[in-house]
Amino acid sequence: MKKEILISVSPYVQKYYINETFTDLPEDIKETLRAKLAVIAEKAHAIITLGFNENGEIYLEYKYEDLSYADEIGVELRMKKFQQEEGELLKSIKVWYMIYHTPNGEIVRDVILMQKEGKDKAEVASALLAKYGEGYNDFINMLLEEE
């Protein structure tokens, strides 16, 4: 499965990397991710990476350069806590990624706009199938089920 890194933070060299593909992500969000992931990286003595799978799902993973500090239980707990506390932020980043960095971004945007207009799932599905065709039926249904 293809993965794209959004940000990676290393406590070993006190540096971070943000993928140049995602320069359109707002600066305050980049800074929030950098700061929060740096805390996890420092406490866990691990390189922390956040990115996207090819289906648009966010992944969060870690890697150790120095196994003498390895604390896999601790790093897992810290990452789970981050995902719980920052659930809304991560959901927003996922939507941003799907709209601006996937081939079906226009469909995602249309789903969100129609839902904000108060249309129910059946109305949204019907309108989008009429606009984009039956070939997108599975994708549209998957988007509507996520809500």
N, C-alpha and C. Protein backbone atom coordinates (compact mmCIF):
# COMPACT_ATOMS: atom_id res chain seq x y z
N MET A 1 0.84 -1.18 0.00
CA MET A 1 0.00 0.00 0.00
C MET A 1 0.89 1.24 0.00
N LYS A 2 0.61 2.14 -0.90
CA LYS A 2 1.38 3.36 -1.04
C LYS A 2 1.06 4.32 0.12
N LYS A 3 2.11 4.93 0.66
CA LYS A 3 1.94 5.89 1.74
C LYS A 3 2.62 7.19 1.35
N GLU A 4 2.04 8.30 1.80
CA GLU A 4 2.64 9.61 1.63
C GLU A 4 2.86 10.22 3.00
N ILE A 5 4.08 10.62 3.27
CA ILE A 5 4.40 11.26 4.54
C ILE A 5 3.93 12.71 4.50
N LEU A 6 3.24 13.14 5.55
CA LEU A 6 2.91 14.55 5.73
C LEU A 6 4.00 15.20 6.59
N ILE A 7 4.28 14.60 7.75
CA ILE A 7 5.28 15.15 8.66
C ILE A 7 5.99 14.02 9.39
N SER A 8 7.27 14.23 9.64
CA SER A 8 8.06 13.28 10.41
C SER A 8 8.93 14.09 11.37
N VAL A 9 8.99 13.63 12.63
CA VAL A 9 9.72 14.35 13.67
C VAL A 9 10.73 13.41 14.31
N SER A 10 11.97 13.89 14.43
CA SER A 10 13.04 13.07 15.01
C SER A 10 13.63 13.74 16.24
N PRO A 11 13.63 13.03 17.37
CA PRO A 11 14.27 13.59 18.56
C PRO A 11 15.79 13.45 18.51
N TYR A 12 16.27 12.58 17.64
CA TYR A 12 17.70 12.30 17.58
C TYR A 12 18.50 13.47 17.01
N VAL A 13 17.93 14.13 16.01
CA VAL A 13 18.62 15.26 15.38
C VAL A 13 17.90 16.58 15.64
N GLN A 14 16.85 16.52 16.46
CA GLN A 14 16.07 17.71 16.81
C GLN A 14 15.55 18.43 15.56
N LYS A 15 15.07 17.66 14.58
CA LYS A 15 14.57 18.23 13.34
C LYS A 15 13.25 17.57 12.97
N TYR A 16 12.57 18.22 12.02
CA TYR A 16 11.34 17.66 11.49
C TYR A 16 11.31 17.87 9.98
N TYR A 17 10.48 17.10 9.32
CA TYR A 17 10.33 17.16 7.88
C TYR A 17 8.86 17.30 7.57
N ILE A 18 8.53 18.26 6.70
CA ILE A 18 7.16 18.37 6.18
C ILE A 18 7.26 18.22 4.66
N ASN A 19 6.49 17.31 4.14
CA ASN A 19 6.51 17.00 2.71
C ASN A 19 6.15 18.25 1.90
N GLU A 20 6.98 18.59 0.93
CA GLU A 20 6.76 19.77 0.09
C GLU A 20 5.49 19.68 -0.74
N THR A 21 4.98 18.48 -0.94
CA THR A 21 3.72 18.29 -1.68
C THR A 21 2.56 18.97 -0.95
N PHE A 22 2.69 19.12 0.36
CA PHE A 22 1.59 19.62 1.17
C PHE A 22 1.82 21.04 1.69
N THR A 23 2.45 21.88 0.89
CA THR A 23 2.70 23.26 1.31
C THR A 23 1.40 24.05 1.46
N ASP A 24 0.31 23.56 0.88
CA ASP A 24 -0.96 24.27 0.98
C ASP A 24 -1.69 24.01 2.29
N LEU A 25 -1.19 23.12 3.12
CA LEU A 25 -1.76 22.92 4.45
C LEU A 25 -1.48 24.18 5.28
N PRO A 26 -2.49 24.74 5.93
CA PRO A 26 -2.27 25.98 6.70
C PRO A 26 -1.12 25.86 7.71
N GLU A 27 -0.37 26.94 7.85
CA GLU A 27 0.82 26.98 8.71
C GLU A 27 0.50 26.64 10.16
N ASP A 28 -0.64 27.13 10.68
CA ASP A 28 -0.96 26.85 12.08
C ASP A 28 -1.20 25.36 12.32
N ILE A 29 -1.74 24.67 11.33
CA ILE A 29 -1.94 23.23 11.46
C ILE A 29 -0.60 22.51 11.41
N LYS A 30 0.27 22.92 10.50
CA LYS A 30 1.61 22.33 10.43
C LYS A 30 2.34 22.51 11.76
N GLU A 31 2.24 23.71 12.32
CA GLU A 31 2.93 24.00 13.58
C GLU A 31 2.35 23.18 14.74
N THR A 32 1.03 23.04 14.77
CA THR A 32 0.39 22.22 15.80
C THR A 32 0.86 20.78 15.71
N LEU A 33 0.86 20.23 14.50
CA LEU A 33 1.32 18.85 14.32
C LEU A 33 2.79 18.71 14.73
N ARG A 34 3.62 19.65 14.30
CA ARG A 34 5.04 19.58 14.63
C ARG A 34 5.26 19.60 16.13
N ALA A 35 4.58 20.50 16.82
CA ALA A 35 4.75 20.63 18.26
C ALA A 35 4.26 19.39 19.01
N LYS A 36 3.09 18.90 18.68
CA LYS A 36 2.52 17.76 19.39
C LYS A 36 3.28 16.47 19.10
N LEU A 37 3.70 16.29 17.85
CA LEU A 37 4.45 15.09 17.51
C LEU A 37 5.87 15.15 18.08
N ALA A 38 6.43 16.35 18.21
CA ALA A 38 7.76 16.49 18.81
C ALA A 38 7.74 16.06 20.27
N VAL A 39 6.67 16.37 20.98
CA VAL A 39 6.56 15.95 22.38
C VAL A 39 6.53 14.42 22.47
N ILE A 40 5.74 13.79 21.60
CA ILE A 40 5.67 12.33 21.60
C ILE A 40 7.04 11.75 21.26
N ALA A 41 7.68 12.31 20.24
CA ALA A 41 8.99 11.81 19.80
C ALA A 41 10.02 11.92 20.92
N GLU A 42 10.03 13.05 21.63
CA GLU A 42 10.98 13.25 22.72
C GLU A 42 10.75 12.26 23.86
N LYS A 43 9.49 12.12 24.26
CA LYS A 43 9.18 11.23 25.38
C LYS A 43 9.39 9.77 25.04
N ALA A 44 9.15 9.40 23.78
CA ALA A 44 9.26 8.00 23.38
C ALA A 44 10.63 7.66 22.81
N HIS A 45 11.47 8.67 22.58
CA HIS A 45 12.78 8.46 21.96
C HIS A 45 12.62 7.73 20.62
N ALA A 46 11.63 8.18 19.82
CA ALA A 46 11.34 7.53 18.54
C ALA A 46 11.06 8.59 17.47
N ILE A 47 11.28 8.22 16.24
CA ILE A 47 10.91 9.06 15.11
C ILE A 47 9.42 8.82 14.87
N ILE A 48 8.64 9.88 14.86
CA ILE A 48 7.19 9.78 14.69
C ILE A 48 6.83 10.33 13.31
N THR A 49 6.03 9.58 12.57
CA THR A 49 5.63 9.96 11.23
C THR A 49 4.12 9.91 11.11
N LEU A 50 3.56 10.96 10.50
CA LEU A 50 2.13 11.03 10.22
C LEU A 50 1.98 11.26 8.73
N GLY A 51 1.08 10.51 8.12
CA GLY A 51 0.87 10.66 6.68
C GLY A 51 -0.45 10.05 6.25
N PHE A 52 -0.53 9.76 4.96
CA PHE A 52 -1.77 9.28 4.36
C PHE A 52 -1.52 7.97 3.61
N ASN A 53 -2.43 7.01 3.78
CA ASN A 53 -2.44 5.82 2.96
C ASN A 53 -3.08 6.18 1.63
N GLU A 54 -2.98 5.31 0.65
CA GLU A 54 -3.51 5.61 -0.68
C GLU A 54 -5.03 5.79 -0.68
N ASN A 55 -5.73 5.27 0.32
CA ASN A 55 -7.18 5.45 0.39
C ASN A 55 -7.58 6.72 1.15
N GLY A 56 -6.59 7.54 1.54
CA GLY A 56 -6.88 8.80 2.22
C GLY A 56 -6.90 8.71 3.73
N GLU A 57 -6.77 7.51 4.28
CA GLU A 57 -6.74 7.35 5.74
C GLU A 57 -5.42 7.85 6.29
N ILE A 58 -5.49 8.43 7.47
CA ILE A 58 -4.28 8.92 8.13
C ILE A 58 -3.60 7.76 8.86
N TYR A 59 -2.29 7.70 8.74
CA TYR A 59 -1.54 6.72 9.53
C TYR A 59 -0.56 7.46 10.43
N LEU A 60 -0.25 6.85 11.54
CA LEU A 60 0.70 7.38 12.51
C LEU A 60 1.59 6.21 12.90
N GLU A 61 2.91 6.37 12.70
CA GLU A 61 3.81 5.27 13.03
C GLU A 61 5.09 5.79 13.66
N TYR A 62 5.85 4.86 14.21
CA TYR A 62 7.10 5.23 14.88
C TYR A 62 8.22 4.29 14.46
N LYS A 63 9.45 4.77 14.66
CA LYS A 63 10.64 3.98 14.35
C LYS A 63 11.72 4.39 15.33
N TYR A 64 12.48 3.42 15.79
CA TYR A 64 13.59 3.70 16.70
C TYR A 64 14.91 3.67 15.95
N GLU A 65 15.76 4.64 16.20
CA GLU A 65 17.14 4.59 15.71
C GLU A 65 18.02 3.91 16.74
N ASP A 66 17.67 4.10 18.00
CA ASP A 66 18.46 3.54 19.10
C ASP A 66 17.54 2.62 19.92
N LEU A 67 17.69 1.33 19.75
CA LEU A 67 16.80 0.38 20.41
C LEU A 67 17.00 0.31 21.92
N SER A 68 18.06 0.90 22.44
CA SER A 68 18.26 0.87 23.90
C SER A 68 17.20 1.68 24.63
N TYR A 69 16.53 2.59 23.93
CA TYR A 69 15.46 3.38 24.53
C TYR A 69 14.06 2.91 24.12
N ALA A 70 13.98 1.81 23.41
CA ALA A 70 12.71 1.34 22.86
C ALA A 70 11.67 1.10 23.97
N ASP A 71 10.53 1.73 23.82
CA ASP A 71 9.39 1.57 24.73
C ASP A 71 8.14 1.51 23.88
N GLU A 72 7.90 0.35 23.27
CA GLU A 72 6.81 0.23 22.32
C GLU A 72 5.45 0.43 22.96
N ILE A 73 5.29 0.02 24.18
CA ILE A 73 4.00 0.21 24.86
C ILE A 73 3.78 1.70 25.12
N GLY A 74 4.79 2.38 25.62
CA GLY A 74 4.68 3.81 25.90
C GLY A 74 4.40 4.64 24.67
N VAL A 75 5.10 4.35 23.57
CA VAL A 75 4.89 5.12 22.35
C VAL A 75 3.50 4.85 21.79
N GLU A 76 3.05 3.62 21.85
CA GLU A 76 1.69 3.31 21.37
C GLU A 76 0.64 4.07 22.18
N LEU A 77 0.81 4.09 23.50
CA LEU A 77 -0.13 4.81 24.36
C LEU A 77 -0.14 6.31 24.05
N ARG A 78 1.05 6.89 23.87
CA ARG A 78 1.13 8.32 23.55
C ARG A 78 0.47 8.64 22.20
N MET A 79 0.67 7.77 21.22
CA MET A 79 0.07 8.00 19.90
C MET A 79 -1.45 7.85 19.97
N LYS A 80 -1.93 6.87 20.72
CA LYS A 80 -3.39 6.70 20.88
C LYS A 80 -3.99 7.93 21.56
N LYS A 81 -3.31 8.44 22.59
CA LYS A 81 -3.79 9.62 23.29
C LYS A 81 -3.84 10.82 22.34
N PHE A 82 -2.81 10.98 21.54
CA PHE A 82 -2.78 12.05 20.55
C PHE A 82 -3.96 11.93 19.59
N GLN A 83 -4.22 10.72 19.10
CA GLN A 83 -5.32 10.51 18.16
C GLN A 83 -6.67 10.82 18.80
N GLN A 84 -6.83 10.50 20.09
CA GLN A 84 -8.08 10.81 20.77
C GLN A 84 -8.23 12.30 21.01
N GLU A 85 -7.18 12.93 21.51
CA GLU A 85 -7.25 14.36 21.83
C GLU A 85 -7.35 15.23 20.58
N GLU A 86 -6.75 14.78 19.50
CA GLU A 86 -6.71 15.58 18.27
C GLU A 86 -7.57 14.98 17.17
N GLY A 87 -8.61 14.26 17.55
CA GLY A 87 -9.48 13.59 16.58
C GLY A 87 -10.09 14.53 15.56
N GLU A 88 -10.57 15.68 16.02
CA GLU A 88 -11.18 16.65 15.10
C GLU A 88 -10.15 17.22 14.13
N LEU A 89 -8.96 17.52 14.64
CA LEU A 89 -7.89 18.03 13.78
C LEU A 89 -7.53 16.98 12.72
N LEU A 90 -7.38 15.74 13.13
CA LEU A 90 -7.03 14.68 12.19
C LEU A 90 -8.13 14.46 11.16
N LYS A 91 -9.38 14.56 11.58
CA LYS A 91 -10.49 14.41 10.65
C LYS A 91 -10.47 15.55 9.62
N SER A 92 -10.19 16.75 10.07
CA SER A 92 -10.11 17.90 9.16
C SER A 92 -8.97 17.74 8.17
N ILE A 93 -7.83 17.25 8.65
CA ILE A 93 -6.68 17.04 7.77
C ILE A 93 -7.01 15.98 6.72
N LYS A 94 -7.72 14.94 7.14
CA LYS A 94 -8.11 13.89 6.20
C LYS A 94 -9.03 14.45 5.12
N VAL A 95 -10.00 15.26 5.50
CA VAL A 95 -10.92 15.87 4.53
C VAL A 95 -10.14 16.78 3.59
N TRP A 96 -9.24 17.60 4.14
CA TRP A 96 -8.41 18.49 3.33
C TRP A 96 -7.62 17.68 2.30
N TYR A 97 -7.00 16.59 2.76
CA TYR A 97 -6.21 15.74 1.87
C TYR A 97 -7.09 15.18 0.76
N MET A 98 -8.24 14.65 1.13
CA MET A 98 -9.11 14.03 0.13
C MET A 98 -9.61 15.04 -0.90
N ILE A 99 -9.90 16.27 -0.46
CA ILE A 99 -10.39 17.28 -1.39
C ILE A 99 -9.28 17.77 -2.33
N TYR A 100 -8.14 18.09 -1.77
CA TYR A 100 -7.09 18.75 -2.55
C TYR A 100 -6.00 17.85 -3.10
N HIS A 101 -5.93 16.61 -2.66
CA HIS A 101 -4.81 15.76 -3.09
C HIS A 101 -5.22 14.38 -3.58
N THR A 102 -6.49 14.19 -3.89
CA THR A 102 -6.92 12.92 -4.48
C THR A 102 -7.71 13.21 -5.75
N PRO A 103 -7.73 12.25 -6.66
CA PRO A 103 -8.45 12.46 -7.93
C PRO A 103 -9.95 12.70 -7.75
N ASN A 104 -10.53 12.20 -6.66
CA ASN A 104 -11.97 12.34 -6.44
C ASN A 104 -12.30 13.47 -5.46
N GLY A 105 -11.42 14.42 -5.33
CA GLY A 105 -11.61 15.52 -4.39
C GLY A 105 -12.88 16.33 -4.63
N GLU A 106 -13.24 16.49 -5.89
CA GLU A 106 -14.45 17.26 -6.21
C GLU A 106 -15.70 16.57 -5.66
N ILE A 107 -15.71 15.24 -5.70
CA ILE A 107 -16.85 14.50 -5.17
C ILE A 107 -16.92 14.68 -3.65
N VAL A 108 -15.78 14.60 -2.98
CA VAL A 108 -15.73 14.79 -1.52
C VAL A 108 -16.27 16.17 -1.17
N ARG A 109 -15.80 17.18 -1.90
CA ARG A 109 -16.26 18.56 -1.66
C ARG A 109 -17.77 18.66 -1.86
N ASP A 110 -18.30 18.06 -2.92
CA ASP A 110 -19.73 18.11 -3.18
C ASP A 110 -20.53 17.44 -2.07
N VAL A 111 -20.03 16.31 -1.55
CA VAL A 111 -20.72 15.62 -0.45
C VAL A 111 -20.81 16.56 0.75
N ILE A 112 -19.70 17.18 1.10
CA ILE A 112 -19.67 18.07 2.27
C ILE A 112 -20.62 19.25 2.07
N LEU A 113 -20.59 19.86 0.91
CA LEU A 113 -21.46 21.02 0.66
C LEU A 113 -22.94 20.63 0.70
N MET A 114 -23.29 19.51 0.11
CA MET A 114 -24.69 19.08 0.12
C MET A 114 -25.16 18.73 1.53
N GLN A 115 -24.28 18.13 2.32
CA GLN A 115 -24.66 17.81 3.69
C GLN A 115 -24.84 19.09 4.51
N LYS A 116 -24.03 20.09 4.24
CA LYS A 116 -24.19 21.37 4.95
C LYS A 116 -25.49 22.06 4.57
N GLU A 117 -25.97 21.78 3.37
CA GLU A 117 -27.26 22.33 2.92
C GLU A 117 -28.44 21.59 3.54
N GLY A 118 -28.15 20.52 4.28
CA GLY A 118 -29.20 19.78 4.97
C GLY A 118 -29.78 18.62 4.18
N LYS A 119 -29.16 18.26 3.07
CA LYS A 119 -29.66 17.13 2.28
C LYS A 119 -29.33 15.82 2.99
N ASP A 120 -30.26 14.87 2.92
CA ASP A 120 -29.99 13.57 3.54
C ASP A 120 -29.15 12.70 2.61
N LYS A 121 -28.75 11.55 3.10
CA LYS A 121 -27.82 10.68 2.35
C LYS A 121 -28.40 10.27 1.00
N ALA A 122 -29.68 9.96 0.97
CA ALA A 122 -30.31 9.52 -0.28
C ALA A 122 -30.29 10.64 -1.32
N GLU A 123 -30.58 11.86 -0.89
CA GLU A 123 -30.56 13.00 -1.81
C GLU A 123 -29.16 13.27 -2.34
N VAL A 124 -28.18 13.20 -1.43
CA VAL A 124 -26.79 13.43 -1.82
C VAL A 124 -26.36 12.37 -2.82
N ALA A 125 -26.62 11.12 -2.51
CA ALA A 125 -26.22 10.01 -3.38
C ALA A 125 -26.86 10.15 -4.76
N SER A 126 -28.15 10.45 -4.79
CA SER A 126 -28.87 10.59 -6.06
C SER A 126 -28.28 11.72 -6.90
N ALA A 127 -28.04 12.88 -6.28
CA ALA A 127 -27.50 14.02 -7.01
C ALA A 127 -26.09 13.73 -7.54
N LEU A 128 -25.26 13.10 -6.73
CA LEU A 128 -23.89 12.83 -7.16
C LEU A 128 -23.82 11.74 -8.22
N LEU A 129 -24.68 10.74 -8.12
CA LEU A 129 -24.70 9.70 -9.16
C LEU A 129 -25.17 10.29 -10.49
N ALA A 130 -26.11 11.23 -10.43
CA ALA A 130 -26.56 11.91 -11.65
C ALA A 130 -25.43 12.76 -12.25
N LYS A 131 -24.65 13.38 -11.39
CA LYS A 131 -23.56 14.27 -11.86
C LYS A 131 -22.34 13.50 -12.34
N TYR A 132 -21.93 12.46 -11.60
CA TYR A 132 -20.67 11.77 -11.89
C TYR A 132 -20.84 10.40 -12.54
N GLY A 133 -22.01 9.81 -12.44
CA GLY A 133 -22.25 8.52 -13.07
C GLY A 133 -22.15 7.36 -12.10
N GLU A 134 -22.68 6.23 -12.53
CA GLU A 134 -22.74 5.01 -11.71
C GLU A 134 -21.36 4.46 -11.37
N GLY A 135 -20.35 4.79 -12.14
CA GLY A 135 -19.00 4.30 -11.86
C GLY A 135 -18.47 4.76 -10.51
N TYR A 136 -19.06 5.80 -9.95
CA TYR A 136 -18.62 6.34 -8.66
C TYR A 136 -19.53 5.92 -7.51
N ASN A 137 -20.45 5.00 -7.76
CA ASN A 137 -21.41 4.57 -6.75
C ASN A 137 -20.74 4.08 -5.47
N ASP A 138 -19.76 3.19 -5.58
CA ASP A 138 -19.10 2.64 -4.39
C ASP A 138 -18.37 3.73 -3.61
N PHE A 139 -17.68 4.62 -4.33
CA PHE A 139 -16.94 5.70 -3.66
C PHE A 139 -17.90 6.64 -2.94
N ILE A 140 -18.98 7.02 -3.58
CA ILE A 140 -19.97 7.92 -2.97
C ILE A 140 -20.58 7.26 -1.73
N ASN A 141 -20.93 6.00 -1.84
CA ASN A 141 -21.51 5.30 -0.68
C ASN A 141 -20.51 5.21 0.46
N MET A 142 -19.24 4.98 0.15
CA MET A 142 -18.21 4.92 1.18
C MET A 142 -18.10 6.28 1.89
N LEU A 143 -18.14 7.37 1.13
CA LEU A 143 -18.08 8.70 1.76
C LEU A 143 -19.29 8.96 2.65
N LEU A 144 -20.45 8.55 2.20
CA LEU A 144 -21.66 8.79 2.98
C LEU A 144 -21.71 7.92 4.22
N GLU A 145 -21.10 6.76 4.21
CA GLU A 145 -21.08 5.89 5.38
C GLU A 145 -20.12 6.40 6.46
N GLU A 146 -19.12 7.19 6.09
CA GLU A 146 -18.16 7.70 7.05
C GLU A 146 -18.76 8.72 8.01
N GLU A 147 -19.83 9.34 7.63
CA GLU A 147 -20.44 10.38 8.47
C GLU A 147 -21.11 9.80 9.68
